[in-house]
Amino acid sequence: MTKSELVAALATADSTLTRRHAEIVVNTIFAVMAEALVEGDRIEIRGFGSFQVRTHSPRMGRNPKTGEPVPIGSRRVPFFRVGKELRERVDGEV
Protein backbone atom coordinates (compact mmCIF):
# COMPACT_ATOMS: atom_id res chain seq x y z
CA MET A 1 0.00 0.00 0.00
CA THR A 2 1.34 3.40 -0.95
CA LYS A 3 0.76 6.69 0.82
CA SER A 4 -1.75 7.79 -1.83
CA GLU A 5 -3.65 4.50 -1.44
CA LEU A 6 -3.75 5.09 2.32
CA VAL A 7 -5.16 8.59 1.75
CA ALA A 8 -7.80 7.19 -0.63
CA ALA A 9 -8.78 4.46 1.85
CA LEU A 10 -9.12 6.99 4.66
CA ALA A 11 -11.25 9.32 2.50
CA THR A 12 -13.45 6.38 1.46
CA ALA A 13 -13.86 5.12 5.03
CA ASP A 14 -15.28 8.45 6.25
CA SER A 15 -17.76 10.15 3.91
CA THR A 16 -17.36 13.50 5.72
CA LEU A 17 -13.62 13.55 5.02
CA THR A 18 -12.45 14.91 1.67
CA ARG A 19 -9.42 13.46 -0.08
CA ARG A 20 -7.51 16.70 0.60
CA HIS A 21 -8.28 16.57 4.32
CA ALA A 22 -7.35 12.89 4.46
CA GLU A 23 -4.01 13.76 2.85
CA ILE A 24 -3.41 16.44 5.50
CA VAL A 25 -4.19 13.92 8.26
CA VAL A 26 -1.83 11.28 6.85
CA ASN A 27 0.98 13.80 6.25
CA THR A 28 0.58 15.22 9.76
CA ILE A 29 0.72 11.78 11.38
CA PHE A 30 3.87 10.83 9.46
CA ALA A 31 5.52 14.20 10.20
CA VAL A 32 4.82 13.91 13.94
CA MET A 33 6.10 10.32 14.00
CA ALA A 34 9.28 11.28 12.11
CA GLU A 35 9.92 14.21 14.44
CA ALA A 36 9.48 11.98 17.51
CA LEU A 37 12.03 9.52 16.13
CA VAL A 38 14.47 12.34 15.33
CA GLU A 39 14.21 13.44 18.97
CA GLY A 40 14.90 9.86 20.10
CA ASP A 41 11.38 9.15 21.39
CA ARG A 42 9.75 5.74 21.15
CA ILE A 43 6.38 5.44 19.36
CA GLU A 44 3.99 2.70 20.45
CA ILE A 45 0.73 1.98 18.65
CA ARG A 46 -1.18 -0.67 20.59
CA GLY A 47 -2.14 -3.67 18.49
CA PHE A 48 0.17 -2.57 15.67
CA GLY A 49 3.74 -2.22 16.87
CA SER A 50 6.41 0.17 18.08
CA PHE A 51 9.04 2.33 16.45
CA GLN A 52 12.31 3.31 18.08
CA VAL A 53 15.76 4.51 17.12
CA ARG A 54 18.70 2.15 17.50
CA THR A 55 22.32 3.23 17.46
CA HIS A 56 24.86 1.24 15.47
CA SER A 57 28.41 1.46 16.86
CA PRO A 58 31.32 2.56 14.70
CA ARG A 59 33.16 -0.32 13.04
CA MET A 60 35.67 -1.17 10.38
CA GLY A 61 34.32 -2.20 6.99
CA ARG A 62 36.01 -3.15 3.76
CA ASN A 63 36.02 -1.55 0.35
CA PRO A 64 34.58 -4.35 -1.84
CA LYS A 65 36.68 -3.31 -4.83
CA THR A 66 40.10 -3.09 -3.16
CA GLY A 67 39.61 -5.00 0.09
CA GLU A 68 41.07 -2.02 1.94
CA PRO A 69 39.72 -1.40 5.48
CA VAL A 70 37.37 1.59 5.71
CA PRO A 71 36.15 3.17 8.97
CA ILE A 72 32.34 3.33 9.26
CA GLY A 73 31.03 5.85 11.77
CA SER A 74 28.22 5.33 14.25
CA ARG A 75 24.70 5.93 13.01
CA ARG A 76 21.14 5.98 14.25
CA VAL A 77 18.52 3.97 12.36
CA PRO A 78 14.75 3.60 12.87
CA PHE A 79 13.59 0.14 13.95
CA PHE A 80 10.06 -1.31 13.92
CA ARG A 81 8.94 -4.14 16.17
CA VAL A 82 5.58 -5.66 15.21
CA GLY A 83 2.97 -6.01 17.95
CA LYS A 84 1.60 -9.38 19.04
CA GLU A 85 -1.93 -8.72 17.72
CA LEU A 86 -0.74 -7.70 14.23
CA ARG A 87 1.76 -10.58 14.09
CA GLU A 88 -1.03 -13.06 14.87
CA ARG A 89 -3.39 -11.51 12.29
CA VAL A 90 -0.75 -11.65 9.57
CA ASP A 91 0.16 -15.20 10.51
CA GLY A 92 -3.52 -16.21 10.32
CA GLU A 93 -3.82 -17.24 13.96
CA VAL A 94 -6.80 -14.97 14.71
PDB file of N, CA and C in Angstrom:
ATOM      1  N   MET A   1       0.848  -1.171   0.000  1.00  0.00           N
ATOM      2  CA  MET A   1       0.000   0.000   0.000  1.00  0.00           C
ATOM      3  C   MET A   1       0.893   1.233   0.000  1.00  0.00           C
ATOM      4  N   THR A   2       0.592   2.154  -0.882  1.00  0.00           N
ATOM      5  CA  THR A   2       1.345   3.403  -0.947  1.00  0.00           C
ATOM      6  C   THR A   2       0.645   4.464  -0.118  1.00  0.00           C
ATOM      7  N   LYS A   3       1.329   5.585   0.050  1.00  0.00           N
ATOM      8  CA  LYS A   3       0.755   6.691   0.823  1.00  0.00           C
ATOM      9  C   LYS A   3      -0.527   7.210   0.172  1.00  0.00           C
ATOM     10  N   SER A   4      -0.553   7.306  -1.143  1.00  0.00           N
ATOM     11  CA  SER A   4      -1.751   7.792  -1.834  1.00  0.00           C
ATOM     12  C   SER A   4      -2.904   6.800  -1.692  1.00  0.00           C
ATOM     13  N   GLU A   5      -2.606   5.507  -1.663  1.00  0.00           N
ATOM     14  CA  GLU A   5      -3.650   4.496  -1.438  1.00  0.00           C
ATOM     15  C   GLU A   5      -4.192   4.590  -0.017  1.00  0.00           C
ATOM     16  N   LEU A   6      -3.316   4.901   0.939  1.00  0.00           N
ATOM     17  CA  LEU A   6      -3.747   5.090   2.319  1.00  0.00           C
ATOM     18  C   LEU A   6      -4.664   6.304   2.439  1.00  0.00           C
ATOM     19  N   VAL A   7      -4.328   7.386   1.757  1.00  0.00           N
ATOM     20  CA  VAL A   7      -5.163   8.590   1.746  1.00  0.00           C
ATOM     21  C   VAL A   7      -6.523   8.268   1.135  1.00  0.00           C
ATOM     22  N   ALA A   8      -6.547   7.560   0.030  1.00  0.00           N
ATOM     23  CA  ALA A   8      -7.801   7.194  -0.629  1.00  0.00           C
ATOM     24  C   ALA A   8      -8.652   6.300   0.269  1.00  0.00           C
ATOM     25  N   ALA A   9      -8.035   5.343   0.956  1.00  0.00           N
ATOM     26  CA  ALA A   9      -8.778   4.456   1.845  1.00  0.00           C
ATOM     27  C   ALA A   9      -9.369   5.223   3.014  1.00  0.00           C
ATOM     28  N   LEU A  10      -8.631   6.178   3.547  1.00  0.00           N
ATOM     29  CA  LEU A  10      -9.116   6.993   4.655  1.00  0.00           C
ATOM     30  C   LEU A  10     -10.279   7.874   4.207  1.00  0.00           C
ATOM     31  N   ALA A  11     -10.171   8.464   3.031  1.00  0.00           N
ATOM     32  CA  ALA A  11     -11.253   9.315   2.503  1.00  0.00           C
ATOM     33  C   ALA A  11     -12.494   8.492   2.210  1.00  0.00           C
ATOM     34  N   THR A  12     -12.325   7.262   1.759  1.00  0.00           N
ATOM     35  CA  THR A  12     -13.452   6.381   1.464  1.00  0.00           C
ATOM     36  C   THR A  12     -14.125   5.896   2.747  1.00  0.00           C
ATOM     37  N   ALA A  13     -13.322   5.651   3.777  1.00  0.00           N
ATOM     38  CA  ALA A  13     -13.863   5.121   5.033  1.00  0.00           C
ATOM     39  C   ALA A  13     -14.757   6.126   5.751  1.00  0.00           C
ATOM     40  N   ASP A  14     -14.490   7.410   5.593  1.00  0.00           N
ATOM     41  CA  ASP A  14     -15.283   8.447   6.254  1.00  0.00           C
ATOM     42  C   ASP A  14     -15.834   9.388   5.189  1.00  0.00           C
ATOM     43  N   SER A  15     -17.137   9.351   4.987  1.00  0.00           N
ATOM     44  CA  SER A  15     -17.756  10.145   3.911  1.00  0.00           C
ATOM     45  C   SER A  15     -17.683  11.649   4.179  1.00  0.00           C
ATOM     46  N   THR A  16     -17.455  12.066   5.419  1.00  0.00           N
ATOM     47  CA  THR A  16     -17.362  13.502   5.718  1.00  0.00           C
ATOM     48  C   THR A  16     -15.957  14.042   5.472  1.00  0.00           C
ATOM     49  N   LEU A  17     -15.009  13.162   5.211  1.00  0.00           N
ATOM     50  CA  LEU A  17     -13.620  13.553   5.021  1.00  0.00           C
ATOM     51  C   LEU A  17     -13.296  13.613   3.530  1.00  0.00           C
ATOM     52  N   THR A  18     -12.846  14.782   3.076  1.00  0.00           N
ATOM     53  CA  THR A  18     -12.455  14.907   1.671  1.00  0.00           C
ATOM     54  C   THR A  18     -11.068  14.298   1.476  1.00  0.00           C
ATOM     55  N   ARG A  19     -10.738  14.043   0.227  1.00  0.00           N
ATOM     56  CA  ARG A  19      -9.420  13.464  -0.075  1.00  0.00           C
ATOM     57  C   ARG A  19      -8.309  14.415   0.363  1.00  0.00           C
ATOM     58  N   ARG A  20      -8.520  15.702   0.201  1.00  0.00           N
ATOM     59  CA  ARG A  20      -7.514  16.704   0.598  1.00  0.00           C
ATOM     60  C   ARG A  20      -7.306  16.690   2.111  1.00  0.00           C
ATOM     61  N   HIS A  21      -8.397  16.619   2.864  1.00  0.00           N
ATOM     62  CA  HIS A  21      -8.282  16.575   4.322  1.00  0.00           C
ATOM     63  C   HIS A  21      -7.638  15.266   4.786  1.00  0.00           C
ATOM     64  N   ALA A  22      -7.958  14.175   4.122  1.00  0.00           N
ATOM     65  CA  ALA A  22      -7.353  12.888   4.458  1.00  0.00           C
ATOM     66  C   ALA A  22      -5.841  12.943   4.218  1.00  0.00           C
ATOM     67  N   GLU A  23      -5.434  13.613   3.146  1.00  0.00           N
ATOM     68  CA  GLU A  23      -4.013  13.755   2.848  1.00  0.00           C
ATOM     69  C   GLU A  23      -3.312  14.572   3.936  1.00  0.00           C
ATOM     70  N   ILE A  24      -3.968  15.620   4.417  1.00  0.00           N
ATOM     71  CA  ILE A  24      -3.411  16.438   5.497  1.00  0.00           C
ATOM     72  C   ILE A  24      -3.247  15.597   6.764  1.00  0.00           C
ATOM     73  N   VAL A  25      -4.252  14.779   7.068  1.00  0.00           N
ATOM     74  CA  VAL A  25      -4.194  13.921   8.256  1.00  0.00           C
ATOM     75  C   VAL A  25      -3.028  12.943   8.152  1.00  0.00           C
ATOM     76  N   VAL A  26      -2.902  12.267   7.037  1.00  0.00           N
ATOM     77  CA  VAL A  26      -1.832  11.283   6.849  1.00  0.00           C
ATOM     78  C   VAL A  26      -0.462  11.962   6.914  1.00  0.00           C
ATOM     79  N   ASN A  27      -0.298  13.082   6.229  1.00  0.00           N
ATOM     80  CA  ASN A  27       0.983  13.801   6.247  1.00  0.00           C
ATOM     81  C   ASN A  27       1.334  14.277   7.653  1.00  0.00           C
ATOM     82  N   THR A  28       0.342  14.753   8.397  1.00  0.00           N
ATOM     83  CA  THR A  28       0.580  15.220   9.761  1.00  0.00           C
ATOM     84  C   THR A  28       1.019  14.073  10.668  1.00  0.00           C
ATOM     85  N   ILE A  29       0.346  12.940  10.558  1.00  0.00           N
ATOM     86  CA  ILE A  29       0.717  11.776  11.378  1.00  0.00           C
ATOM     87  C   ILE A  29       2.155  11.348  11.083  1.00  0.00           C
ATOM     88  N   PHE A  30       2.508  11.245   9.817  1.00  0.00           N
ATOM     89  CA  PHE A  30       3.867  10.829   9.465  1.00  0.00           C
ATOM     90  C   PHE A  30       4.903  11.860   9.911  1.00  0.00           C
ATOM     91  N   ALA A  31       4.590  13.143   9.795  1.00  0.00           N
ATOM     92  CA  ALA A  31       5.518  14.199  10.201  1.00  0.00           C
ATOM     93  C   ALA A  31       5.756  14.161  11.709  1.00  0.00           C
ATOM     94  N   VAL A  32       4.694  13.980  12.482  1.00  0.00           N
ATOM     95  CA  VAL A  32       4.824  13.912  13.943  1.00  0.00           C
ATOM     96  C   VAL A  32       5.615  12.674  14.347  1.00  0.00           C
ATOM     97  N   MET A  33       5.355  11.547  13.695  1.00  0.00           N
ATOM     98  CA  MET A  33       6.096  10.323  14.001  1.00  0.00           C
ATOM     99  C   MET A  33       7.582  10.494  13.661  1.00  0.00           C
ATOM    100  N   ALA A  34       7.886  11.076  12.522  1.00  0.00           N
ATOM    101  CA  ALA A  34       9.278  11.279  12.115  1.00  0.00           C
ATOM    102  C   ALA A  34       9.989  12.210  13.092  1.00  0.00           C
ATOM    103  N   GLU A  35       9.319  13.273  13.505  1.00  0.00           N
ATOM    104  CA  GLU A  35       9.921  14.213  14.443  1.00  0.00           C
ATOM    105  C   GLU A  35      10.192  13.547  15.787  1.00  0.00           C
ATOM    106  N   ALA A  36       9.277  12.696  16.246  1.00  0.00           N
ATOM    107  CA  ALA A  36       9.477  11.979  17.506  1.00  0.00           C
ATOM    108  C   ALA A  36      10.698  11.071  17.417  1.00  0.00           C
ATOM    109  N   LEU A  37      10.876  10.396  16.296  1.00  0.00           N
ATOM    110  CA  LEU A  37      12.034   9.519  16.126  1.00  0.00           C
ATOM    111  C   LEU A  37      13.330  10.320  16.051  1.00  0.00           C
ATOM    112  N   VAL A  38      13.292  11.476  15.394  1.00  0.00           N
ATOM    113  CA  VAL A  38      14.474  12.338  15.325  1.00  0.00           C
ATOM    114  C   VAL A  38      14.897  12.766  16.727  1.00  0.00           C
ATOM    115  N   GLU A  39      13.924  13.021  17.596  1.00  0.00           N
ATOM    116  CA  GLU A  39      14.208  13.440  18.974  1.00  0.00           C
ATOM    117  C   GLU A  39      14.582  12.259  19.866  1.00  0.00           C
ATOM    118  N   GLY A  40      14.519  11.039  19.338  1.00  0.00           N
ATOM    119  CA  GLY A  40      14.902   9.862  20.096  1.00  0.00           C
ATOM    120  C   GLY A  40      13.769   9.235  20.888  1.00  0.00           C
ATOM    121  N   ASP A  41      12.537   9.708  20.690  1.00  0.00           N
ATOM    122  CA  ASP A  41      11.384   9.150  21.391  1.00  0.00           C
ATOM    123  C   ASP A  41      10.986   7.810  20.793  1.00  0.00           C
ATOM    124  N   ARG A  42      10.288   7.034  21.593  1.00  0.00           N
ATOM    125  CA  ARG A  42       9.753   5.742  21.151  1.00  0.00           C
ATOM    126  C   ARG A  42       8.275   5.936  20.837  1.00  0.00           C
ATOM    127  N   ILE A  43       7.786   5.342  19.757  1.00  0.00           N
ATOM    128  CA  ILE A  43       6.383   5.438  19.362  1.00  0.00           C
ATOM    129  C   ILE A  43       5.766   4.059  19.520  1.00  0.00           C
ATOM    130  N   GLU A  44       4.673   3.981  20.263  1.00  0.00           N
ATOM    131  CA  GLU A  44       3.988   2.703  20.451  1.00  0.00           C
ATOM    132  C   GLU A  44       2.536   2.848  20.034  1.00  0.00           C
ATOM    133  N   ILE A  45       2.115   2.014  19.106  1.00  0.00           N
ATOM    134  CA  ILE A  45       0.728   1.981  18.646  1.00  0.00           C
ATOM    135  C   ILE A  45       0.186   0.618  19.029  1.00  0.00           C
ATOM    136  N   ARG A  46      -0.661   0.594  20.051  1.00  0.00           N
ATOM    137  CA  ARG A  46      -1.176  -0.667  20.593  1.00  0.00           C
ATOM    138  C   ARG A  46      -1.856  -1.485  19.509  1.00  0.00           C
ATOM    139  N   GLY A  47      -1.551  -2.764  19.471  1.00  0.00           N
ATOM    140  CA  GLY A  47      -2.135  -3.665  18.492  1.00  0.00           C
ATOM    141  C   GLY A  47      -1.456  -3.633  17.135  1.00  0.00           C
ATOM    142  N   PHE A  48      -0.521  -2.697  16.946  1.00  0.00           N
ATOM    143  CA  PHE A  48       0.167  -2.570  15.667  1.00  0.00           C
ATOM    144  C   PHE A  48       1.653  -2.845  15.823  1.00  0.00           C
ATOM    145  N   GLY A  49       2.319  -2.035  16.657  1.00  0.00           N
ATOM    146  CA  GLY A  49       3.745  -2.216  16.873  1.00  0.00           C
ATOM    147  C   GLY A  49       4.374  -0.977  17.448  1.00  0.00           C
ATOM    148  N   SER A  50       5.693  -0.984  17.533  1.00  0.00           N
ATOM    149  CA  SER A  50       6.406   0.165  18.083  1.00  0.00           C
ATOM    150  C   SER A  50       7.598   0.516  17.195  1.00  0.00           C
ATOM    151  N   PHE A  51       7.906   1.803  17.189  1.00  0.00           N
ATOM    152  CA  PHE A  51       9.043   2.332  16.446  1.00  0.00           C
ATOM    153  C   PHE A  51      10.019   2.908  17.467  1.00  0.00           C
ATOM    154  N   GLN A  52      11.298   2.692  17.230  1.00  0.00           N
ATOM    155  CA  GLN A  52      12.308   3.305  18.077  1.00  0.00           C
ATOM    156  C   GLN A  52      13.570   3.494  17.258  1.00  0.00           C
ATOM    157  N   VAL A  53      14.494   4.260  17.804  1.00  0.00           N
ATOM    158  CA  VAL A  53      15.760   4.510  17.125  1.00  0.00           C
ATOM    159  C   VAL A  53      16.831   3.661  17.796  1.00  0.00           C
ATOM    160  N   ARG A  54      17.587   2.944  16.995  1.00  0.00           N
ATOM    161  CA  ARG A  54      18.702   2.148  17.502  1.00  0.00           C
ATOM    162  C   ARG A  54      20.000   2.761  17.002  1.00  0.00           C
ATOM    163  N   THR A  55      21.012   2.680  17.825  1.00  0.00           N
ATOM    164  CA  THR A  55      22.319   3.230  17.463  1.00  0.00           C
ATOM    165  C   THR A  55      23.254   2.092  17.087  1.00  0.00           C
ATOM    166  N   HIS A  56      23.864   2.214  15.927  1.00  0.00           N
ATOM    167  CA  HIS A  56      24.857   1.241  15.474  1.00  0.00           C
ATOM    168  C   HIS A  56      26.237   1.813  15.805  1.00  0.00           C
ATOM    169  N   SER A  57      27.070   1.031  16.454  1.00  0.00           N
ATOM    170  CA  SER A  57      28.414   1.461  16.858  1.00  0.00           C
ATOM    171  C   SER A  57      29.320   1.622  15.647  1.00  0.00           C
ATOM    172  N   PRO A  58      30.357   2.456  15.807  1.00  0.00           N
ATOM    173  CA  PRO A  58      31.321   2.558  14.697  1.00  0.00           C
ATOM    174  C   PRO A  58      32.058   1.225  14.533  1.00  0.00           C
ATOM    175  N   ARG A  59      32.479   0.949  13.314  1.00  0.00           N
ATOM    176  CA  ARG A  59      33.156  -0.317  13.043  1.00  0.00           C
ATOM    177  C   ARG A  59      34.057  -0.153  11.826  1.00  0.00           C
ATOM    178  N   MET A  60      34.825  -1.168  11.563  1.00  0.00           N
ATOM    179  CA  MET A  60      35.674  -1.174  10.379  1.00  0.00           C
ATOM    180  C   MET A  60      35.001  -2.032   9.310  1.00  0.00           C
ATOM    181  N   GLY A  61      34.864  -1.471   8.130  1.00  0.00           N
ATOM    182  CA  GLY A  61      34.322  -2.203   6.993  1.00  0.00           C
ATOM    183  C   GLY A  61      35.420  -2.433   5.972  1.00  0.00           C
ATOM    184  N   ARG A  62      35.032  -2.927   4.826  1.00  0.00           N
ATOM    185  CA  ARG A  62      36.014  -3.154   3.760  1.00  0.00           C
ATOM    186  C   ARG A  62      35.475  -2.610   2.444  1.00  0.00           C
ATOM    187  N   ASN A  63      36.341  -1.993   1.695  1.00  0.00           N
ATOM    188  CA  ASN A  63      36.015  -1.552   0.353  1.00  0.00           C
ATOM    189  C   ASN A  63      35.915  -2.810  -0.502  1.00  0.00           C
ATOM    190  N   PRO A  64      34.729  -3.101  -1.090  1.00  0.00           N
ATOM    191  CA  PRO A  64      34.580  -4.352  -1.837  1.00  0.00           C
ATOM    192  C   PRO A  64      35.472  -4.439  -3.072  1.00  0.00           C
ATOM    193  N   LYS A  65      35.862  -3.300  -3.622  1.00  0.00           N
ATOM    194  CA  LYS A  65      36.678  -3.313  -4.832  1.00  0.00           C
ATOM    195  C   LYS A  65      38.147  -3.608  -4.519  1.00  0.00           C
ATOM    196  N   THR A  66      38.666  -2.960  -3.456  1.00  0.00           N
ATOM    197  CA  THR A  66      40.096  -3.093  -3.164  1.00  0.00           C
ATOM    198  C   THR A  66      40.385  -3.980  -1.957  1.00  0.00           C
ATOM    199  N   GLY A  67      39.393  -4.210  -1.116  1.00  0.00           N
ATOM    200  CA  GLY A  67      39.606  -4.998   0.095  1.00  0.00           C
ATOM    201  C   GLY A  67      40.226  -4.185   1.217  1.00  0.00           C
ATOM    202  N   GLU A  68      40.450  -2.906   0.961  1.00  0.00           N
ATOM    203  CA  GLU A  68      41.072  -2.020   1.945  1.00  0.00           C
ATOM    204  C   GLU A  68      40.108  -1.716   3.100  1.00  0.00           C
ATOM    205  N   PRO A  69      40.589  -1.730   4.339  1.00  0.00           N
ATOM    206  CA  PRO A  69      39.721  -1.397   5.475  1.00  0.00           C
ATOM    207  C   PRO A  69      39.241   0.053   5.417  1.00  0.00           C
ATOM    208  N   VAL A  70      37.968   0.261   5.745  1.00  0.00           N
ATOM    209  CA  VAL A  70      37.374   1.588   5.711  1.00  0.00           C
ATOM    210  C   VAL A  70      36.621   1.801   7.022  1.00  0.00           C
ATOM    211  N   PRO A  71      36.891   2.916   7.727  1.00  0.00           N
ATOM    212  CA  PRO A  71      36.151   3.167   8.968  1.00  0.00           C
ATOM    213  C   PRO A  71      34.707   3.576   8.658  1.00  0.00           C
ATOM    214  N   ILE A  72      33.756   2.993   9.397  1.00  0.00           N
ATOM    215  CA  ILE A  72      32.341   3.335   9.256  1.00  0.00           C
ATOM    216  C   ILE A  72      31.910   3.928  10.589  1.00  0.00           C
ATOM    217  N   GLY A  73      31.416   5.151  10.557  1.00  0.00           N
ATOM    218  CA  GLY A  73      31.027   5.848  11.773  1.00  0.00           C
ATOM    219  C   GLY A  73      29.749   5.302  12.386  1.00  0.00           C
ATOM    220  N   SER A  74      29.461   5.742  13.608  1.00  0.00           N
ATOM    221  CA  SER A  74      28.218   5.329  14.255  1.00  0.00           C
ATOM    222  C   SER A  74      27.044   5.997  13.545  1.00  0.00           C
ATOM    223  N   ARG A  75      25.887   5.369  13.652  1.00  0.00           N
ATOM    224  CA  ARG A  75      24.695   5.932  13.015  1.00  0.00           C
ATOM    225  C   ARG A  75      23.462   5.500  13.777  1.00  0.00           C
ATOM    226  N   ARG A  76      22.420   6.270  13.615  1.00  0.00           N
ATOM    227  CA  ARG A  76      21.136   5.978  14.247  1.00  0.00           C
ATOM    228  C   ARG A  76      20.166   5.567  13.145  1.00  0.00           C
ATOM    229  N   VAL A  77      19.458   4.473  13.365  1.00  0.00           N
ATOM    230  CA  VAL A  77      18.516   3.975  12.364  1.00  0.00           C
ATOM    231  C   VAL A  77      17.168   3.671  13.018  1.00  0.00           C
ATOM    232  N   PRO A  78      16.056   3.951  12.318  1.00  0.00           N
ATOM    233  CA  PRO A  78      14.747   3.596  12.867  1.00  0.00           C
ATOM    234  C   PRO A  78      14.546   2.089  12.831  1.00  0.00           C
ATOM    235  N   PHE A  79      13.845   1.577  13.832  1.00  0.00           N
ATOM    236  CA  PHE A  79      13.595   0.144  13.946  1.00  0.00           C
ATOM    237  C   PHE A  79      12.128  -0.052  14.306  1.00  0.00           C
ATOM    238  N   PHE A  80      11.466  -1.011  13.641  1.00  0.00           N
ATOM    239  CA  PHE A  80      10.064  -1.312  13.916  1.00  0.00           C
ATOM    240  C   PHE A  80       9.957  -2.708  14.494  1.00  0.00           C
ATOM    241  N   ARG A  81       9.220  -2.827  15.586  1.00  0.00           N
ATOM    242  CA  ARG A  81       8.937  -4.140  16.173  1.00  0.00           C
ATOM    243  C   ARG A  81       7.422  -4.344  16.099  1.00  0.00           C
ATOM    244  N   VAL A  82       7.008  -5.380  15.415  1.00  0.00           N
ATOM    245  CA  VAL A  82       5.584  -5.657  15.214  1.00  0.00           C
ATOM    246  C   VAL A  82       4.954  -6.076  16.539  1.00  0.00           C
ATOM    247  N   GLY A  83       3.701  -5.643  16.757  1.00  0.00           N
ATOM    248  CA  GLY A  83       2.965  -6.014  17.953  1.00  0.00           C
ATOM    249  C   GLY A  83       2.399  -7.421  17.845  1.00  0.00           C
ATOM    250  N   LYS A  84       2.080  -7.998  18.991  1.00  0.00           N
ATOM    251  CA  LYS A  84       1.595  -9.379  19.036  1.00  0.00           C
ATOM    252  C   LYS A  84       0.303  -9.539  18.234  1.00  0.00           C
ATOM    253  N   GLU A  85      -0.631  -8.608  18.401  1.00  0.00           N
ATOM    254  CA  GLU A  85      -1.926  -8.722  17.719  1.00  0.00           C
ATOM    255  C   GLU A  85      -1.773  -8.701  16.197  1.00  0.00           C
ATOM    256  N   LEU A  86      -0.968  -7.785  15.677  1.00  0.00           N
ATOM    257  CA  LEU A  86      -0.745  -7.704  14.231  1.00  0.00           C
ATOM    258  C   LEU A  86      -0.001  -8.941  13.730  1.00  0.00           C
ATOM    259  N   ARG A  87       0.998  -9.386  14.482  1.00  0.00           N
ATOM    260  CA  ARG A  87       1.756 -10.578  14.091  1.00  0.00           C
ATOM    261  C   ARG A  87       0.832 -11.788  13.969  1.00  0.00           C
ATOM    262  N   GLU A  88      -0.089 -11.936  14.913  1.00  0.00           N
ATOM    263  CA  GLU A  88      -1.027 -13.061  14.873  1.00  0.00           C
ATOM    264  C   GLU A  88      -2.008 -12.929  13.713  1.00  0.00           C
ATOM    265  N   ARG A  89      -2.470 -11.709  13.425  1.00  0.00           N
ATOM    266  CA  ARG A  89      -3.389 -11.514  12.288  1.00  0.00           C
ATOM    267  C   ARG A  89      -2.722 -11.832  10.968  1.00  0.00           C
ATOM    268  N   VAL A  90      -1.473 -11.388  10.805  1.00  0.00           N
ATOM    269  CA  VAL A  90      -0.752 -11.647   9.566  1.00  0.00           C
ATOM    270  C   VAL A  90      -0.462 -13.131   9.418  1.00  0.00           C
ATOM    271  N   ASP A  91      -0.159 -13.779  10.524  1.00  0.00           N
ATOM    272  CA  ASP A  91       0.158 -15.200  10.508  1.00  0.00           C
ATOM    273  C   ASP A  91      -1.100 -16.075  10.363  1.00  0.00           C
ATOM    274  N   GLY A  92      -2.287 -15.473  10.493  1.00  0.00           N
ATOM    275  CA  GLY A  92      -3.523 -16.210  10.318  1.00  0.00           C
ATOM    276  C   GLY A  92      -3.986 -16.934  11.554  1.00  0.00           C
ATOM    277  N   GLU A  93      -3.442 -16.572  12.723  1.00  0.00           N
ATOM    278  CA  GLU A  93      -3.823 -17.241  13.960  1.00  0.00           C
ATOM    279  C   GLU A  93      -5.137 -16.740  14.533  1.00  0.00           C
ATOM    280  N   VAL A  94      -5.559 -15.546  14.152  1.00  0.00           N
ATOM    281  CA  VAL A  94      -6.797 -14.970  14.713  1.00  0.00           C
ATOM    282  C   VAL A  94      -7.970 -15.253  13.809  1.00  0.00           C
TER     283      VAL A  94
END
